[in-house]
Amino acid sequence: MPSCREIDPLFAPYIDGEATADQRTVVEAHLRACPKCRHQTALQSAVRETVRTKLCRPCAPEALRTRCQAAARAGMGPFGTTRSTIASLVMAAALLFVVGGVLLYALTGFSPAVLAAQLTLDHVKCFAVHDAATPIDVDASEAQYARDYGAPVHLPRHNIAGLQLVGMRRCFCGDGAAAHAMYRLNGAPVSLYVISHVSRERASTDVFGHDAVIWSKGDATYVLLGRQPRETLEALARDMEKQL
């Protein structure tokens, strides 16, 4: 099987839908055997979809859009570039914008908005891939996480109306590894990320249509996020913080 380095050039065309059938077969075989690359391609797919649905807005004059659409139907773009090449370049630029922010955050550690953006993309990806809905036991989930990753994690214990734990995963952000507790609040996805050995000031922010509440307690930083109204998440964060 090709190594991660050898197969890396195929990931972009695979995500863009431009890979050949043979290339897709090779990539999918690698992804089945490599959790790290599977996580990264799922995250990049979530970035692609978020950029497409949240950040792309028509702003060009109607006449220019008409000319561009005509060129696209002809399969050509400015300076003789093909439509597939343009699409790949646009996606590369969008990924550079988002991933560049992630890398900048990893170096500076200052922006709560960038941390929220990283984890929002992960939240969207995890719920899209796993679509968890069945409640699971908190004690058993913590014990399994500690066995799998050698890192203890403590989640809120008190019952909160409408809140159910439905999944427990290990994910990553600029601050390092994060325990990802996946919840349903009255059926809607909510995530609580626990990042050990990191301290941050309390903050609230919104990004990609989601709100996030960030706080620290003890030796960990907690990030609660979802599409719920800011007041709902703030109240839920206060309830959780009391139990930690």
C-alpha atoms as a PDB file:
ATOM      1  CA  MET A   1       0.000   0.000   0.000  1.00  0.00           C
ATOM      2  CA  PRO A   2       1.346   3.498  -0.822  1.00  0.00           C
ATOM      3  CA  SER A   3       2.608   5.548   2.116  1.00  0.00           C
ATOM      4  CA  CYS A   4       0.827   8.690   3.337  1.00  0.00           C
ATOM      5  CA  ARG A   5       3.493  10.843   1.671  1.00  0.00           C
ATOM      6  CA  GLU A   6       3.177   8.996  -1.647  1.00  0.00           C
ATOM      7  CA  ILE A   7      -0.591   9.213  -1.758  1.00  0.00           C
ATOM      8  CA  ASP A   8      -0.892  12.793  -0.498  1.00  0.00           C
ATOM      9  CA  PRO A   9      -1.008  14.373  -4.019  1.00  0.00           C
ATOM     10  CA  LEU A  10      -4.186  12.370  -4.752  1.00  0.00           C
ATOM     11  CA  PHE A  11      -6.194  13.713  -1.810  1.00  0.00           C
ATOM     12  CA  ALA A  12      -7.052  17.110  -3.370  1.00  0.00           C
ATOM     13  CA  PRO A  13      -8.419  15.693  -6.660  1.00  0.00           C
ATOM     14  CA  TYR A  14     -10.199  12.966  -4.652  1.00  0.00           C
ATOM     15  CA  ILE A  15     -11.966  15.558  -2.465  1.00  0.00           C
ATOM     16  CA  ASP A  16     -12.684  17.790  -5.496  1.00  0.00           C
ATOM     17  CA  GLY A  17     -14.247  14.870  -7.384  1.00  0.00           C
ATOM     18  CA  GLU A  18     -11.583  15.105 -10.093  1.00  0.00           C
ATOM     19  CA  ALA A  19      -9.761  11.799  -9.390  1.00  0.00           C
ATOM     20  CA  THR A  20      -9.925   8.978 -11.894  1.00  0.00           C
ATOM     21  CA  ALA A  21     -11.618   5.699 -10.993  1.00  0.00           C
ATOM     22  CA  ASP A  22      -8.224   4.047 -10.445  1.00  0.00           C
ATOM     23  CA  GLN A  23      -7.045   6.921  -8.262  1.00  0.00           C
ATOM     24  CA  ARG A  24     -10.243   6.778  -6.182  1.00  0.00           C
ATOM     25  CA  THR A  25      -9.735   3.051  -5.653  1.00  0.00           C
ATOM     26  CA  VAL A  26      -6.165   3.624  -4.418  1.00  0.00           C
ATOM     27  CA  VAL A  27      -7.170   6.508  -2.130  1.00  0.00           C
ATOM     28  CA  GLU A  28     -10.164   4.699  -0.637  1.00  0.00           C
ATOM     29  CA  ALA A  29      -8.075   1.612   0.092  1.00  0.00           C
ATOM     30  CA  HIS A  30      -5.531   3.797   1.886  1.00  0.00           C
ATOM     31  CA  LEU A  31      -8.228   5.633   3.865  1.00  0.00           C
ATOM     32  CA  ARG A  32      -9.721   2.359   5.094  1.00  0.00           C
ATOM     33  CA  ALA A  33      -6.346   1.438   6.582  1.00  0.00           C
ATOM     34  CA  CYS A  34      -5.157   4.877   7.792  1.00  0.00           C
ATOM     35  CA  PRO A  35      -7.215   6.671  10.494  1.00  0.00           C
ATOM     36  CA  LYS A  36      -4.999   9.782  10.337  1.00  0.00           C
ATOM     37  CA  CYS A  37      -5.543  10.348   6.609  1.00  0.00           C
ATOM     38  CA  ARG A  38      -9.214   9.422   6.954  1.00  0.00           C
ATOM     39  CA  HIS A  39      -9.587  12.138   9.616  1.00  0.00           C
ATOM     40  CA  GLN A  40      -7.759  14.707   7.475  1.00  0.00           C
ATOM     41  CA  THR A  41      -9.733  14.037   4.293  1.00  0.00           C
ATOM     42  CA  ALA A  42     -13.022  14.163   6.201  1.00  0.00           C
ATOM     43  CA  LEU A  43     -11.982  17.484   7.725  1.00  0.00           C
ATOM     44  CA  GLN A  44     -10.966  18.895   4.338  1.00  0.00           C
ATOM     45  CA  SER A  45     -14.285  17.734   2.857  1.00  0.00           C
ATOM     46  CA  ALA A  46     -16.082  19.552   5.669  1.00  0.00           C
ATOM     47  CA  VAL A  47     -13.999  22.672   4.934  1.00  0.00           C
ATOM     48  CA  ARG A  48     -14.922  22.415   1.244  1.00  0.00           C
ATOM     49  CA  GLU A  49     -18.627  22.128   2.016  1.00  0.00           C
ATOM     50  CA  THR A  50     -18.519  24.932   4.596  1.00  0.00           C
ATOM     51  CA  VAL A  51     -16.708  27.250   2.198  1.00  0.00           C
ATOM     52  CA  ARG A  52     -19.214  26.401  -0.539  1.00  0.00           C
ATOM     53  CA  THR A  53     -22.331  26.933   1.571  1.00  0.00           C
ATOM     54  CA  LYS A  54     -21.231  29.629   4.036  1.00  0.00           C
ATOM     55  CA  LEU A  55     -18.552  31.733   2.400  1.00  0.00           C
ATOM     56  CA  CYS A  56     -19.423  31.710  -1.308  1.00  0.00           C
ATOM     57  CA  ARG A  57     -21.804  34.535  -2.187  1.00  0.00           C
ATOM     58  CA  PRO A  58     -22.407  35.981  -5.670  1.00  0.00           C
ATOM     59  CA  CYS A  59     -21.002  39.508  -5.837  1.00  0.00           C
ATOM     60  CA  ALA A  60     -19.975  39.998  -9.477  1.00  0.00           C
ATOM     61  CA  PRO A  61     -22.109  42.066 -11.892  1.00  0.00           C
ATOM     62  CA  GLU A  62     -24.774  40.082 -13.754  1.00  0.00           C
ATOM     63  CA  ALA A  63     -23.097  40.597 -17.124  1.00  0.00           C
ATOM     64  CA  LEU A  64     -19.790  39.227 -15.830  1.00  0.00           C
ATOM     65  CA  ARG A  65     -21.494  36.218 -14.260  1.00  0.00           C
ATOM     66  CA  THR A  66     -23.250  35.508 -17.582  1.00  0.00           C
ATOM     67  CA  ARG A  67     -19.930  35.581 -19.467  1.00  0.00           C
ATOM     68  CA  CYS A  68     -18.271  33.351 -16.859  1.00  0.00           C
ATOM     69  CA  GLN A  69     -21.145  30.853 -16.989  1.00  0.00           C
ATOM     70  CA  ALA A  70     -20.871  30.736 -20.787  1.00  0.00           C
ATOM     71  CA  ALA A  71     -17.127  30.085 -20.515  1.00  0.00           C
ATOM     72  CA  ALA A  72     -17.730  27.405 -17.894  1.00  0.00           C
ATOM     73  CA  ARG A  73     -20.236  25.628 -20.134  1.00  0.00           C
ATOM     74  CA  ALA A  74     -17.597  25.658 -22.868  1.00  0.00           C
ATOM     75  CA  GLY A  75     -15.170  24.046 -20.450  1.00  0.00           C
ATOM     76  CA  MET A  76     -12.654  26.896 -20.623  1.00  0.00           C
ATOM     77  CA  GLY A  77     -11.682  29.817 -18.417  1.00  0.00           C
ATOM     78  CA  PRO A  78      -9.449  32.876 -18.688  1.00  0.00           C
ATOM     79  CA  PHE A  79      -6.040  32.338 -20.339  1.00  0.00           C
ATOM     80  CA  GLY A  80      -7.137  28.924 -21.624  1.00  0.00           C
ATOM     81  CA  THR A  81      -7.460  27.265 -18.214  1.00  0.00           C
ATOM     82  CA  THR A  82      -9.885  24.359 -17.922  1.00  0.00           C
ATOM     83  CA  ARG A  83     -12.899  24.401 -15.644  1.00  0.00           C
ATOM     84  CA  SER A  84     -11.500  21.569 -13.498  1.00  0.00           C
ATOM     85  CA  THR A  85      -8.242  23.490 -13.055  1.00  0.00           C
ATOM     86  CA  ILE A  86     -10.122  26.616 -11.955  1.00  0.00           C
ATOM     87  CA  ALA A  87     -12.207  24.611  -9.492  1.00  0.00           C
ATOM     88  CA  SER A  88      -9.109  23.039  -7.998  1.00  0.00           C
ATOM     89  CA  LEU A  89      -7.385  26.418  -7.706  1.00  0.00           C
ATOM     90  CA  VAL A  90     -10.423  27.997  -6.040  1.00  0.00           C
ATOM     91  CA  MET A  91     -10.611  25.126  -3.565  1.00  0.00           C
ATOM     92  CA  ALA A  92      -6.883  25.326  -2.909  1.00  0.00           C
ATOM     93  CA  ALA A  93      -7.199  29.046  -2.185  1.00  0.00           C
ATOM     94  CA  ALA A  94     -10.116  28.457   0.168  1.00  0.00           C
ATOM     95  CA  LEU A  95      -8.274  25.701   1.979  1.00  0.00           C
ATOM     96  CA  LEU A  96      -5.177  27.882   2.189  1.00  0.00           C
ATOM     97  CA  PHE A  97      -7.283  30.618   3.805  1.00  0.00           C
ATOM     98  CA  VAL A  98      -8.791  28.303   6.397  1.00  0.00           C
ATOM     99  CA  VAL A  99      -5.771  26.081   7.023  1.00  0.00           C
ATOM    100  CA  GLY A 100      -3.507  29.148   7.036  1.00  0.00           C
ATOM    101  CA  GLY A 101      -5.588  30.519   9.882  1.00  0.00           C
ATOM    102  CA  VAL A 102      -5.271  27.229  11.695  1.00  0.00           C
ATOM    103  CA  LEU A 103      -1.486  27.225  11.332  1.00  0.00           C
ATOM    104  CA  LEU A 104      -1.291  30.861  12.398  1.00  0.00           C
ATOM    105  CA  TYR A 105      -3.297  30.053  15.473  1.00  0.00           C
ATOM    106  CA  ALA A 106      -1.001  27.131  16.287  1.00  0.00           C
ATOM    107  CA  LEU A 107       1.902  29.598  16.299  1.00  0.00           C
ATOM    108  CA  THR A 108       0.229  32.453  18.217  1.00  0.00           C
ATOM    109  CA  GLY A 109      -2.427  30.843  20.409  1.00  0.00           C
ATOM    110  CA  PHE A 110      -4.255  34.173  20.705  1.00  0.00           C
ATOM    111  CA  SER A 111      -7.566  33.985  18.826  1.00  0.00           C
ATOM    112  CA  PRO A 112     -10.635  32.263  20.332  1.00  0.00           C
ATOM    113  CA  ALA A 113     -12.393  32.728  16.962  1.00  0.00           C
ATOM    114  CA  VAL A 114      -9.795  30.599  15.155  1.00  0.00           C
ATOM    115  CA  LEU A 115      -9.998  27.895  17.829  1.00  0.00           C
ATOM    116  CA  ALA A 116     -13.787  27.943  17.452  1.00  0.00           C
ATOM    117  CA  ALA A 117     -13.435  27.723  13.657  1.00  0.00           C
ATOM    118  CA  GLN A 118     -11.149  24.686  13.902  1.00  0.00           C
ATOM    119  CA  LEU A 119     -13.470  22.875  16.271  1.00  0.00           C
ATOM    120  CA  THR A 120     -16.644  23.870  14.415  1.00  0.00           C
ATOM    121  CA  LEU A 121     -15.295  22.218  11.271  1.00  0.00           C
ATOM    122  CA  ASP A 122     -14.421  19.132  13.311  1.00  0.00           C
ATOM    123  CA  HIS A 123     -17.896  19.177  14.931  1.00  0.00           C
ATOM    124  CA  VAL A 124     -19.580  19.301  11.507  1.00  0.00           C
ATOM    125  CA  LYS A 125     -17.339  16.541  10.179  1.00  0.00           C
ATOM    126  CA  CYS A 126     -17.801  14.196  13.150  1.00  0.00           C
ATOM    127  CA  PHE A 127     -21.588  14.449  13.160  1.00  0.00           C
ATOM    128  CA  ALA A 128     -21.685  14.101   9.355  1.00  0.00           C
ATOM    129  CA  VAL A 129     -19.509  10.972   9.406  1.00  0.00           C
ATOM    130  CA  HIS A 130     -20.903   9.280  12.507  1.00  0.00           C
ATOM    131  CA  ASP A 131     -24.444  10.719  12.794  1.00  0.00           C
ATOM    132  CA  ALA A 132     -24.565   9.611  16.444  1.00  0.00           C
ATOM    133  CA  ALA A 133     -28.016   9.576  18.032  1.00  0.00           C
ATOM    134  CA  THR A 134     -28.110   6.713  20.558  1.00  0.00           C
ATOM    135  CA  PRO A 135     -27.408   7.758  24.191  1.00  0.00           C
ATOM    136  CA  ILE A 136     -24.308   6.220  25.790  1.00  0.00           C
ATOM    137  CA  ASP A 137     -23.147   5.944  29.415  1.00  0.00           C
ATOM    138  CA  VAL A 138     -20.858   8.720  30.646  1.00  0.00           C
ATOM    139  CA  ASP A 139     -18.785   6.535  33.037  1.00  0.00           C
ATOM    140  CA  ALA A 140     -18.241   3.822  30.432  1.00  0.00           C
ATOM    141  CA  SER A 141     -17.308   6.406  27.781  1.00  0.00           C
ATOM    142  CA  GLU A 142     -14.712   8.052  30.027  1.00  0.00           C
ATOM    143  CA  ALA A 143     -13.224   4.664  30.928  1.00  0.00           C
ATOM    144  CA  GLN A 144     -13.040   3.587  27.267  1.00  0.00           C
ATOM    145  CA  TYR A 145     -11.414   6.882  26.261  1.00  0.00           C
ATOM    146  CA  ALA A 146      -8.781   6.490  28.998  1.00  0.00           C
ATOM    147  CA  ARG A 147      -8.035   2.919  27.853  1.00  0.00           C
ATOM    148  CA  ASP A 148      -7.790   3.913  24.183  1.00  0.00           C
ATOM    149  CA  TYR A 149      -5.689   7.058  24.571  1.00  0.00           C
ATOM    150  CA  GLY A 150      -4.112   6.880  28.025  1.00  0.00           C
ATOM    151  CA  ALA A 151      -5.631  10.248  28.926  1.00  0.00           C
ATOM    152  CA  PRO A 152      -8.287  10.647  31.628  1.00  0.00           C
ATOM    153  CA  VAL A 153     -11.163  12.999  30.854  1.00  0.00           C
ATOM    154  CA  HIS A 154     -13.976  14.197  33.117  1.00  0.00           C
ATOM    155  CA  LEU A 155     -17.410  15.080  31.744  1.00  0.00           C
ATOM    156  CA  PRO A 156     -20.401  16.674  33.501  1.00  0.00           C
ATOM    157  CA  ARG A 157     -22.480  14.181  35.491  1.00  0.00           C
ATOM    158  CA  HIS A 158     -25.683  15.969  36.472  1.00  0.00           C
ATOM    159  CA  ASN A 159     -28.678  15.348  34.205  1.00  0.00           C
ATOM    160  CA  ILE A 160     -29.513  18.413  32.111  1.00  0.00           C
ATOM    161  CA  ALA A 161     -32.947  18.478  30.530  1.00  0.00           C
ATOM    162  CA  GLY A 162     -32.836  17.406  26.888  1.00  0.00           C
ATOM    163  CA  LEU A 163     -29.062  16.733  26.881  1.00  0.00           C
ATOM    164  CA  GLN A 164     -27.746  13.262  26.004  1.00  0.00           C
ATOM    165  CA  LEU A 165     -24.202  12.041  25.409  1.00  0.00           C
ATOM    166  CA  VAL A 166     -24.152  10.129  22.098  1.00  0.00           C
ATOM    167  CA  GLY A 167     -20.464   9.772  21.239  1.00  0.00           C
ATOM    168  CA  MET A 168     -16.884  10.133  22.495  1.00  0.00           C
ATOM    169  CA  ARG A 169     -13.940  10.646  20.163  1.00  0.00           C
ATOM    170  CA  ARG A 170     -10.384  11.959  20.077  1.00  0.00           C
ATOM    171  CA  CYS A 171      -9.883  14.915  17.732  1.00  0.00           C
ATOM    172  CA  PHE A 172      -7.239  17.589  17.183  1.00  0.00           C
ATOM    173  CA  CYS A 173      -6.862  21.364  17.021  1.00  0.00           C
ATOM    174  CA  GLY A 174      -4.084  23.960  17.220  1.00  0.00           C
ATOM    175  CA  ASP A 175      -3.949  23.477  20.989  1.00  0.00           C
ATOM    176  CA  GLY A 176      -3.335  19.724  20.604  1.00  0.00           C
ATOM    177  CA  ALA A 177      -5.409  16.593  21.169  1.00  0.00           C
ATOM    178  CA  ALA A 178      -8.964  17.162  22.384  1.00  0.00           C
ATOM    179  CA  ALA A 179     -11.514  14.779  23.850  1.00  0.00           C
ATOM    180  CA  HIS A 180     -14.660  15.328  21.788  1.00  0.00           C
ATOM    181  CA  ALA A 181     -17.890  14.606  23.671  1.00  0.00           C
ATOM    182  CA  MET A 182     -20.764  14.507  21.167  1.00  0.00           C
ATOM    183  CA  TYR A 183     -24.172  15.422  22.592  1.00  0.00           C
ATOM    184  CA  ARG A 184     -27.734  15.877  21.419  1.00  0.00           C
ATOM    185  CA  LEU A 185     -29.653  18.770  22.984  1.00  0.00           C
ATOM    186  CA  ASN A 186     -33.318  18.158  22.263  1.00  0.00           C
ATOM    187  CA  GLY A 187     -32.139  16.210  19.226  1.00  0.00           C
ATOM    188  CA  ALA A 188     -29.761  18.873  17.844  1.00  0.00           C
ATOM    189  CA  PRO A 189     -25.954  18.289  17.729  1.00  0.00           C
ATOM    190  CA  VAL A 190     -23.815  19.918  20.434  1.00  0.00           C
ATOM    191  CA  SER A 191     -20.119  19.306  21.077  1.00  0.00           C
ATOM    192  CA  LEU A 192     -18.008  19.713  24.196  1.00  0.00           C
ATOM    193  CA  TYR A 193     -14.244  19.648  23.570  1.00  0.00           C
ATOM    194  CA  VAL A 194     -11.853  19.089  26.480  1.00  0.00           C
ATOM    195  CA  ILE A 195      -8.242  20.170  25.802  1.00  0.00           C
ATOM    196  CA  SER A 196      -5.883  19.126  28.592  1.00  0.00           C
ATOM    197  CA  HIS A 197      -2.913  21.173  29.842  1.00  0.00           C
ATOM    198  CA  VAL A 198      -4.209  24.357  28.202  1.00  0.00           C
ATOM    199  CA  SER A 199      -5.571  27.497  29.856  1.00  0.00           C
ATOM    200  CA  ARG A 200      -7.597  30.212  28.108  1.00  0.00           C
ATOM    201  CA  GLU A 201      -9.638  33.207  29.166  1.00  0.00           C
ATOM    202  CA  ARG A 202     -13.401  32.853  29.014  1.00  0.00           C
ATOM    203  CA  ALA A 203     -14.814  33.916  25.642  1.00  0.00           C
ATOM    204  CA  SER A 204     -17.856  33.581  23.397  1.00  0.00           C
ATOM    205  CA  THR A 205     -17.776  33.772  19.617  1.00  0.00           C
ATOM    206  CA  ASP A 206     -19.631  32.686  16.500  1.00  0.00           C
ATOM    207  CA  VAL A 207     -18.257  31.177  13.303  1.00  0.00           C
ATOM    208  CA  PHE A 208     -19.706  29.288  10.314  1.00  0.00           C
ATOM    209  CA  GLY A 209     -23.241  29.635  11.695  1.00  0.00           C
ATOM    210  CA  HIS A 210     -22.322  28.123  15.086  1.00  0.00           C
ATOM    211  CA  ASP A 211     -21.841  29.728  18.493  1.00  0.00           C
ATOM    212  CA  ALA A 212     -19.070  28.688  20.876  1.00  0.00           C
ATOM    213  CA  VAL A 213     -18.368  29.245  24.573  1.00  0.00           C
ATOM    214  CA  ILE A 214     -14.768  28.785  25.784  1.00  0.00           C
ATOM    215  CA  TRP A 215     -13.631  28.536  29.387  1.00  0.00           C
ATOM    216  CA  SER A 216     -10.891  26.957  31.491  1.00  0.00           C
ATOM    217  CA  LYS A 217     -11.071  25.083  34.764  1.00  0.00           C
ATOM    218  CA  GLY A 218      -8.306  23.227  36.533  1.00  0.00           C
ATOM    219  CA  ASP A 219      -5.788  21.980  33.997  1.00  0.00           C
ATOM    220  CA  ALA A 220      -8.066  22.013  30.951  1.00  0.00           C
ATOM    221  CA  THR A 221      -9.867  24.250  28.476  1.00  0.00           C
ATOM    222  CA  TYR A 222     -13.460  23.484  27.494  1.00  0.00           C
ATOM    223  CA  VAL A 223     -15.176  24.526  24.265  1.00  0.00           C
ATOM    224  CA  LEU A 224     -18.940  24.089  23.952  1.00  0.00           C
ATOM    225  CA  LEU A 225     -20.419  24.728  20.507  1.00  0.00           C
ATOM    226  CA  GLY A 226     -23.524  24.214  18.420  1.00  0.00           C
ATOM    227  CA  ARG A 227     -26.150  26.002  16.343  1.00  0.00           C
ATOM    228  CA  GLN A 228     -28.237  26.838  19.401  1.00  0.00           C
ATOM    229  CA  PRO A 229     -28.721  30.516  20.398  1.00  0.00           C
ATOM    230  CA  ARG A 230     -25.828  32.069  22.298  1.00  0.00           C
ATOM    231  CA  GLU A 231     -27.933  32.390  25.482  1.00  0.00           C
ATOM    232  CA  THR A 232     -28.775  28.660  25.383  1.00  0.00           C
ATOM    233  CA  LEU A 233     -25.120  27.663  25.059  1.00  0.00           C
ATOM    234  CA  GLU A 234     -24.033  30.134  27.757  1.00  0.00           C
ATOM    235  CA  ALA A 235     -26.579  28.674  30.189  1.00  0.00           C
ATOM    236  CA  LEU A 236     -25.547  25.125  29.289  1.00  0.00           C
ATOM    237  CA  ALA A 237     -21.859  26.027  29.739  1.00  0.00           C
ATOM    238  CA  ARG A 238     -22.577  27.424  33.212  1.00  0.00           C
ATOM    239  CA  ASP A 239     -24.411  24.223  34.182  1.00  0.00           C
ATOM    240  CA  MET A 240     -21.556  22.082  32.891  1.00  0.00           C
ATOM    241  CA  GLU A 241     -18.874  24.189  34.558  1.00  0.00           C
ATOM    242  CA  LYS A 242     -20.515  23.717  37.974  1.00  0.00           C
ATOM    243  CA  GLN A 243     -20.198  19.933  37.575  1.00  0.00           C
ATOM    244  CA  LEU A 244     -16.533  19.818  36.516  1.00  0.00           C
END
